[in-house]
Amino acid sequence: MSGSIFGKMFRISTWGESHGKALGVVIDGCPAGIEICEDDIQKDLDRRKPKKNNFSTQRKEDDMVEILSGVFAGKTTGTPISMIIHNTDKKSADYTQIAEIYRPGHADYTYDAKYGFRDYRGGGRASGRETAARVAAGAVARKMLGMFGIDVYAYTYSMGEVCIDRENFERDEINNNAFYMPDKTKVLQMEQYLDEIRKTGDSIGGIVECIVTKVPAGMGEPVFEKLDAMLAQALMSIGGAKGVEIGAGFEVAKMKGSENNDSFRVDAEKNIIKATNNSGGILGGISDSGDLFMRVALKPTPSIYQTQKTVNKDKTEVEVQIQGRHDATIVPRAAVVVEAMATITIAEYLLQNVVANIENIKKVYTDLR
């Protein structure tokens, strides 16, 4: 299967299925000398795991990561980093009944149409479980970006009808509740709302926002590999993502040029800054030193407990009621994945920018003499 590789210089390749023996990732191109250990990666994997509540899947995977290669004496060696996460809580029998049925909202039909065969256990490669490998890779990229002061964080902006109040935004609150919401005043309302959704056997979607700070100006490539274009590709590759906005996003369609343009200023340290950030930190596909701001719209979990109409492989119309363990919403867990994919993309362009002009290359090789 093609399409499982992302990046050129910081290149990741994920592998494994939802109900296979294991899943994992290989990172090629990570520079040597970055301090990393399994605990660093485990922190992000633990954040991706379902919380202990009635709204998340009851599948309980430890998601214990093991580094197989590319790290020695606590530092990256510059060779491929391979990581594995074993699947330990599989219940493949839950999916026997839908082996011949195309579940609404799932990739069952499209995988059959492409390959003529599919792994129906939990969706195989199309399962959200695949994202554990991305989060592991993102944790490595995070360590690299941290050395340059670049910070990446994502959070739940809304689920269904409930959204945060920006006046109550507290970054420290994001990891203090099950919904990754930076507004603690909305947590109880969200619990009640999701409980109503769950009782009807339904699910709900939402919006995740992601912010990247301290990105230097000049990162990104013109034309086809613009920074915003590649961020959109990275974020749209997440299962369930149906839309991406950068900066003011679709709101720019309502603006005049005089409203949308971000005026440049010079701060007290003689740094070029902007008065506003409608660009989302990117102009001409290249970072402009402002914070990168992204929004990702995620669809409702397609596995719901209501009876639905569909067809089977024999093209007979049937009804299906999906069994198994499923999230009432994927939004909070997806926030960690959005964070990981944004981090991986910035790591890619950080490396690409080193060879963007001859002065950068001179600095490296002058130091070597």
Protein backbone atom coordinates (compact mmCIF):
# COMPACT_ATOMS: atom_id res chain seq x y z
CA MET A 1 0.00 0.00 0.00
CA SER A 2 1.38 3.40 -0.96
CA GLY A 3 0.67 6.63 0.87
CA SER A 4 2.13 5.72 4.27
CA ILE A 5 5.18 8.00 4.02
CA PHE A 6 5.27 11.72 4.85
CA GLY A 7 8.14 14.18 4.53
CA LYS A 8 11.42 14.39 2.65
CA MET A 9 14.14 15.32 5.14
CA PHE A 10 12.30 14.41 8.35
CA ARG A 11 10.61 11.40 6.79
CA ILE A 12 8.16 9.16 8.63
CA SER A 13 6.69 5.84 7.53
CA THR A 14 3.90 4.36 9.65
CA TRP A 15 2.89 0.69 9.56
CA GLY A 16 0.47 -1.73 11.24
CA GLU A 17 -3.26 -2.28 11.60
CA SER A 18 -5.83 -1.75 14.34
CA HIS A 19 -6.06 -5.46 15.19
CA GLY A 20 -2.67 -6.65 13.95
CA LYS A 21 0.11 -7.73 16.28
CA ALA A 22 1.57 -4.24 16.50
CA LEU A 23 1.90 -0.87 14.82
CA GLY A 24 4.79 1.52 14.60
CA VAL A 25 6.80 4.11 12.74
CA VAL A 26 10.22 4.55 11.15
CA ILE A 27 11.73 8.05 11.15
CA ASP A 28 14.48 8.67 8.61
CA GLY A 29 16.45 11.91 8.59
CA CYS A 30 16.27 12.84 12.26
CA PRO A 31 19.55 14.62 13.12
CA ALA A 32 21.99 12.97 15.50
CA GLY A 33 22.55 14.25 19.01
CA ILE A 34 18.96 14.90 20.15
CA GLU A 35 18.37 13.67 23.68
CA ILE A 36 15.41 11.28 23.62
CA CYS A 37 14.12 8.31 25.59
CA GLU A 38 11.01 6.17 25.64
CA ASP A 39 9.56 8.22 28.50
CA ASP A 40 9.62 11.34 26.31
CA ILE A 41 7.53 9.54 23.70
CA GLN A 42 5.29 7.81 26.22
CA LYS A 43 4.07 11.16 27.59
CA ASP A 44 2.40 12.04 24.29
CA LEU A 45 1.10 8.51 23.72
CA ASP A 46 -0.54 8.61 27.16
CA ARG A 47 -2.27 11.85 26.18
CA ARG A 48 -3.67 10.20 23.05
CA LYS A 49 -5.15 7.26 24.95
CA PRO A 50 -8.90 7.30 25.69
CA LYS A 51 -9.86 8.82 29.02
CA LYS A 52 -11.77 6.93 31.68
CA ASN A 53 -15.28 8.20 30.95
CA ASN A 54 -18.46 7.19 29.12
CA PHE A 55 -17.58 9.10 25.96
CA SER A 56 -14.39 7.31 24.86
CA THR A 57 -13.82 3.82 23.53
CA GLN A 58 -13.51 1.19 26.25
CA ARG A 59 -10.61 -0.43 24.41
CA LYS A 60 -7.74 -0.26 26.90
CA GLU A 61 -4.37 -0.35 25.17
CA ASP A 62 -1.27 0.43 27.21
CA ASP A 63 0.36 1.91 24.11
CA MET A 64 3.79 1.16 25.55
CA VAL A 65 6.40 2.29 23.03
CA GLU A 66 9.68 0.50 22.43
CA ILE A 67 12.55 2.11 20.54
CA LEU A 68 14.17 -0.53 18.34
CA SER A 69 16.86 1.50 16.61
CA GLY A 70 18.33 4.93 16.03
CA VAL A 71 18.94 5.85 19.67
CA PHE A 72 22.07 5.07 21.68
CA ALA A 73 23.16 6.30 25.12
CA GLY A 74 20.08 8.52 25.27
CA LYS A 75 20.69 10.37 22.00
CA THR A 76 19.62 9.99 18.39
CA THR A 77 22.38 8.52 16.22
CA GLY A 78 21.29 9.98 12.88
CA THR A 79 20.25 6.55 11.60
CA PRO A 80 16.61 5.49 11.14
CA ILE A 81 14.61 5.52 14.37
CA SER A 82 12.22 2.57 14.53
CA MET A 83 9.50 2.35 17.19
CA ILE A 84 6.92 -0.33 17.91
CA ILE A 85 3.66 -0.32 19.91
CA HIS A 86 2.06 -3.72 20.52
CA ASN A 87 -1.71 -4.22 20.34
CA THR A 88 -2.76 -5.99 23.54
CA ASP A 89 -6.54 -5.48 23.85
CA LYS A 90 -7.92 -6.77 20.56
CA LYS A 91 -11.47 -8.09 20.23
CA SER A 92 -11.58 -8.95 16.55
CA ALA A 93 -14.73 -11.06 16.99
CA ASP A 94 -16.68 -7.81 17.40
CA TYR A 95 -16.16 -7.20 13.68
CA THR A 96 -17.08 -10.61 12.27
CA GLN A 97 -20.66 -9.54 11.62
CA ILE A 98 -19.58 -6.65 9.37
CA ALA A 99 -16.97 -8.54 7.33
CA GLU A 100 -19.29 -8.52 4.31
CA ILE A 101 -21.07 -5.22 5.06
CA TYR A 102 -20.06 -1.69 4.13
CA ARG A 103 -20.47 0.46 7.23
CA PRO A 104 -21.82 3.97 6.56
CA GLY A 105 -19.16 6.66 7.03
CA HIS A 106 -16.29 4.14 7.03
CA ALA A 107 -13.65 3.27 4.44
CA ASP A 108 -14.93 -0.32 4.00
CA TYR A 109 -16.34 0.20 0.50
CA THR A 110 -13.49 2.39 -0.77
CA TYR A 111 -10.79 -0.05 0.41
CA ASP A 112 -12.60 -2.91 -1.34
CA ALA A 113 -12.98 -0.78 -4.46
CA LYS A 114 -9.24 -0.06 -4.49
CA TYR A 115 -7.70 -3.36 -3.35
CA GLY A 116 -10.43 -5.95 -3.77
CA PHE A 117 -9.67 -7.10 -0.23
CA ARG A 118 -9.54 -5.46 3.19
CA ASP A 119 -8.81 -6.05 6.85
CA TYR A 120 -12.25 -5.53 8.39
CA ARG A 121 -11.03 -5.87 12.01
CA GLY A 122 -11.44 -2.41 13.44
CA GLY A 123 -10.91 -0.83 10.05
CA GLY A 124 -7.32 -2.03 9.55
CA ARG A 125 -5.14 0.83 8.33
CA ALA A 126 -8.15 3.18 8.21
CA SER A 127 -8.55 2.91 11.99
CA GLY A 128 -7.81 5.84 14.25
CA ARG A 129 -5.45 3.47 16.05
CA GLU A 130 -2.89 4.15 13.28
CA THR A 131 -2.43 7.62 14.74
CA ALA A 132 -0.50 6.24 17.73
CA ALA A 133 2.46 5.84 15.36
CA ARG A 134 2.16 9.46 14.27
CA VAL A 135 2.10 10.65 17.86
CA ALA A 136 5.28 8.67 18.60
CA ALA A 137 7.02 10.35 15.65
CA GLY A 138 5.66 13.73 16.70
CA ALA A 139 7.21 13.31 20.14
CA VAL A 140 10.65 12.96 18.55
CA ALA A 141 10.04 16.03 16.37
CA ARG A 142 8.89 17.94 19.45
CA LYS A 143 12.23 17.30 21.17
CA MET A 144 14.06 18.76 18.17
CA LEU A 145 11.84 21.85 17.93
CA GLY A 146 12.15 22.45 21.65
CA MET A 147 15.88 22.98 21.22
CA PHE A 148 15.01 26.10 19.18
CA GLY A 149 12.23 27.36 21.43
CA ILE A 150 9.47 26.36 18.99
CA ASP A 151 6.31 25.35 20.87
CA VAL A 152 3.33 23.43 19.43
CA TYR A 153 0.03 22.88 21.22
CA ALA A 154 -3.50 21.93 20.18
CA TYR A 155 -6.82 21.88 21.99
CA THR A 156 -10.54 21.34 21.51
CA TYR A 157 -12.29 24.50 20.37
CA SER A 158 -15.73 22.95 20.00
CA MET A 159 -17.71 19.75 19.92
CA GLY A 160 -21.13 20.00 18.35
CA GLU A 161 -22.96 22.99 19.81
CA VAL A 162 -20.54 23.61 22.69
CA CYS A 163 -17.46 25.78 22.15
CA ILE A 164 -14.96 27.51 24.39
CA ASP A 165 -15.14 31.15 25.43
CA ARG A 166 -11.84 32.72 24.37
CA GLU A 167 -12.01 35.15 27.28
CA ASN A 168 -11.64 32.15 29.61
CA PHE A 169 -8.69 30.62 27.72
CA GLU A 170 -6.15 28.94 30.02
CA ARG A 171 -3.46 26.90 28.35
CA ASP A 172 -2.65 25.04 31.57
CA GLU A 173 -6.24 23.80 31.66
CA ILE A 174 -5.92 21.85 28.37
CA ASN A 175 -4.49 18.73 30.00
CA ASN A 176 -6.58 19.04 33.16
CA ASN A 177 -9.85 17.75 31.68
CA ALA A 178 -10.92 14.83 29.50
CA PHE A 179 -11.88 17.06 26.59
CA TYR A 180 -8.59 18.99 26.16
CA MET A 181 -10.54 22.23 26.48
CA PRO A 182 -8.69 25.37 27.59
CA ASP A 183 -11.90 26.71 29.16
CA LYS A 184 -12.77 25.01 32.45
CA THR A 185 -16.12 26.81 32.61
CA LYS A 186 -17.36 24.68 29.70
CA VAL A 187 -16.33 21.23 30.96
CA LEU A 188 -19.56 20.41 32.82
CA GLN A 189 -21.66 21.64 29.89
CA MET A 190 -19.64 19.43 27.55
CA GLU A 191 -20.10 16.40 29.79
CA GLN A 192 -23.87 16.88 29.85
CA TYR A 193 -24.01 17.47 26.10
CA LEU A 194 -21.98 14.36 25.25
CA ASP A 195 -24.01 12.29 27.68
CA GLU A 196 -27.16 13.21 25.76
CA ILE A 197 -25.47 12.26 22.48
CA ARG A 198 -24.25 8.94 23.90
CA LYS A 199 -27.68 7.98 25.26
CA THR A 200 -29.17 8.25 21.77
CA GLY A 201 -26.46 5.93 20.39
CA ASP A 202 -25.05 8.75 18.28
CA SER A 203 -21.76 10.65 17.97
CA ILE A 204 -20.60 14.21 17.37
CA GLY A 205 -17.80 16.04 15.58
CA GLY A 206 -15.95 19.23 16.41
CA ILE A 207 -13.07 21.61 15.79
CA VAL A 208 -9.47 21.39 17.00
CA GLU A 209 -7.26 24.46 16.98
CA CYS A 210 -3.46 24.32 16.86
CA ILE A 211 -0.92 27.06 17.57
CA VAL A 212 2.82 27.05 16.87
CA THR A 213 4.89 29.79 18.50
CA LYS A 214 8.43 31.09 17.94
CA VAL A 215 8.59 29.95 14.31
CA PRO A 216 11.30 32.03 12.59
CA ALA A 217 10.46 33.92 9.42
CA GLY A 218 11.54 32.31 6.16
CA MET A 219 10.41 28.70 6.62
CA GLY A 220 8.51 27.10 3.75
CA GLU A 221 8.83 26.59 0.01
CA PRO A 222 7.13 28.58 -2.77
CA VAL A 223 4.50 27.28 -5.22
CA PHE A 224 3.57 23.61 -4.65
CA GLU A 225 5.17 23.02 -1.25
CA LYS A 226 4.07 26.10 0.62
CA LEU A 227 4.20 25.76 4.39
CA ASP A 228 0.43 26.18 4.65
CA ALA A 229 -0.16 23.71 1.82
CA MET A 230 1.93 21.03 3.53
CA LEU A 231 0.35 21.72 6.91
CA ALA A 232 -3.04 21.28 5.27
CA GLN A 233 -1.88 17.99 3.73
CA ALA A 234 -0.55 16.77 7.07
CA LEU A 235 -3.71 17.69 8.95
CA MET A 236 -6.10 16.42 6.28
CA SER A 237 -4.29 13.06 6.36
CA ILE A 238 -5.72 12.48 9.84
CA GLY A 239 -8.70 10.11 9.75
CA GLY A 240 -11.93 12.05 10.26
CA ALA A 241 -10.50 15.44 9.19
CA LYS A 242 -12.82 17.12 6.68
CA GLY A 243 -11.57 20.70 6.63
CA VAL A 244 -8.54 22.86 7.48
CA GLU A 245 -8.29 26.61 7.95
CA ILE A 246 -5.10 28.66 8.25
CA GLY A 247 -5.28 32.01 10.03
CA ALA A 248 -8.61 33.74 9.44
CA GLY A 249 -9.53 30.85 7.11
CA PHE A 250 -12.93 31.08 5.44
CA GLU A 251 -13.62 34.39 7.20
CA VAL A 252 -11.33 36.10 4.66
CA ALA A 253 -14.09 35.65 2.09
CA LYS A 254 -16.09 38.29 3.98
CA MET A 255 -13.21 40.73 4.48
CA LYS A 256 -11.96 43.70 2.53
CA GLY A 257 -8.29 43.91 1.71
CA SER A 258 -7.88 46.74 4.19
CA GLU A 259 -9.27 44.45 6.91
CA ASN A 260 -7.42 41.28 5.97
CA ASN A 261 -3.94 42.73 5.42
CA ASP A 262 -1.68 42.42 8.45
CA SER A 263 0.22 45.68 8.97
CA PHE A 264 3.92 45.32 9.72
CA ARG A 265 5.55 46.98 12.71
CA VAL A 266 8.99 47.10 14.37
CA ASP A 267 9.19 46.26 18.07
CA ALA A 268 11.57 47.68 20.68
CA GLU A 269 14.24 45.10 19.74
CA LYS A 270 13.98 46.08 16.07
CA ASN A 271 12.21 42.83 15.12
CA ILE A 272 9.63 42.96 12.34
CA ILE A 273 6.22 42.01 13.75
CA LYS A 274 2.59 42.30 12.65
CA ALA A 275 -0.27 44.22 14.21
CA THR A 276 -2.72 41.39 13.41
CA ASN A 277 -2.39 37.77 12.28
CA ASN A 278 -5.06 37.03 9.68
CA SER A 279 -2.36 35.27 7.66
CA GLY A 280 -1.98 32.66 10.40
CA GLY A 281 1.78 33.24 10.37
CA ILE A 282 2.29 32.43 6.67
CA LEU A 283 2.64 34.70 3.63
CA GLY A 284 3.43 33.38 0.15
CA GLY A 285 3.75 29.91 1.64
CA ILE A 286 6.60 31.08 3.91
CA SER A 287 6.47 31.77 7.65
CA ASP A 288 6.29 35.46 8.56
CA SER A 289 7.38 35.13 12.24
CA GLY A 290 3.82 35.32 13.54
CA ASP A 291 2.25 32.44 15.43
CA LEU A 292 1.01 29.69 13.12
CA PHE A 293 -2.72 29.24 13.66
CA MET A 294 -4.70 26.28 12.28
CA ARG A 295 -8.19 24.86 12.71
CA VAL A 296 -9.24 21.31 11.81
CA ALA A 297 -12.86 20.24 11.41
CA LEU A 298 -13.43 16.61 12.42
CA LYS A 299 -16.46 14.56 11.47
CA PRO A 300 -18.53 12.56 13.99
CA THR A 301 -17.29 9.07 14.81
CA PRO A 302 -18.87 6.91 12.07
CA SER A 303 -19.31 3.90 14.39
CA ILE A 304 -22.62 4.57 16.13
CA TYR A 305 -25.00 2.23 17.92
CA GLN A 306 -28.10 3.21 15.94
CA THR A 307 -29.45 0.92 13.22
CA GLN A 308 -28.37 2.19 9.79
CA LYS A 309 -29.22 1.29 6.21
CA THR A 310 -26.38 0.12 3.97
CA VAL A 311 -25.40 -2.58 1.44
CA ASN A 312 -23.20 -5.67 1.56
CA LYS A 313 -20.57 -6.98 -0.86
CA ASP A 314 -23.30 -8.79 -2.82
CA LYS A 315 -24.95 -5.40 -3.44
CA THR A 316 -27.95 -6.31 -1.31
CA GLU A 317 -29.51 -3.57 0.81
CA VAL A 318 -29.33 -4.47 4.49
CA GLU A 319 -29.44 -2.90 7.93
CA VAL A 320 -26.51 -2.84 10.35
CA GLN A 321 -26.09 -2.06 14.02
CA ILE A 322 -22.40 -1.72 14.78
CA GLN A 323 -21.14 -3.44 17.89
CA GLY A 324 -17.78 -3.04 19.63
CA ARG A 325 -16.08 -0.23 21.56
CA HIS A 326 -16.28 3.23 20.07
CA ASP A 327 -15.83 6.91 20.94
CA ALA A 328 -18.87 9.19 21.13
CA THR A 329 -16.44 11.77 19.75
CA ILE A 330 -12.87 11.54 18.48
CA VAL A 331 -12.17 15.26 18.90
CA PRO A 332 -10.19 15.32 22.19
CA ARG A 333 -7.93 12.42 21.17
CA ALA A 334 -7.54 13.93 17.69
CA ALA A 335 -6.16 17.12 19.26
CA VAL A 336 -3.00 15.22 20.23
CA VAL A 337 -2.69 13.88 16.68
CA VAL A 338 -3.16 17.35 15.16
CA GLU A 339 -0.37 18.54 17.43
CA ALA A 340 1.88 15.69 16.28
CA MET A 341 1.32 16.24 12.55
CA ALA A 342 1.91 19.99 12.85
CA THR A 343 5.11 19.28 14.79
CA ILE A 344 6.38 16.81 12.19
CA THR A 345 5.69 19.31 9.40
CA ILE A 346 7.56 22.12 11.15
CA ALA A 347 10.49 19.77 11.81
CA GLU A 348 10.58 18.98 8.08
CA TYR A 349 10.77 22.64 7.11
CA LEU A 350 13.26 23.50 9.83
CA LEU A 351 15.65 21.04 8.20
CA GLN A 352 14.84 22.17 4.67
CA ASN A 353 15.57 25.77 5.57
CA VAL A 354 19.18 24.96 6.48
CA VAL A 355 20.01 24.55 2.78
CA ALA A 356 17.75 27.38 1.56
CA ASN A 357 20.60 29.84 1.00
CA ILE A 358 24.37 29.71 0.70
CA GLU A 359 25.01 31.75 3.84
CA ASN A 360 23.39 29.03 5.96
CA ILE A 361 25.61 26.41 4.35
CA LYS A 362 28.70 28.59 4.81
CA LYS A 363 28.01 28.81 8.54
CA VAL A 364 28.00 25.03 8.86
CA TYR A 365 31.15 24.36 6.85
CA THR A 366 33.07 27.37 8.14
CA ASP A 367 32.65 25.98 11.66
CA LEU A 368 34.06 22.64 10.50
CA ARG A 369 37.42 24.11 9.40
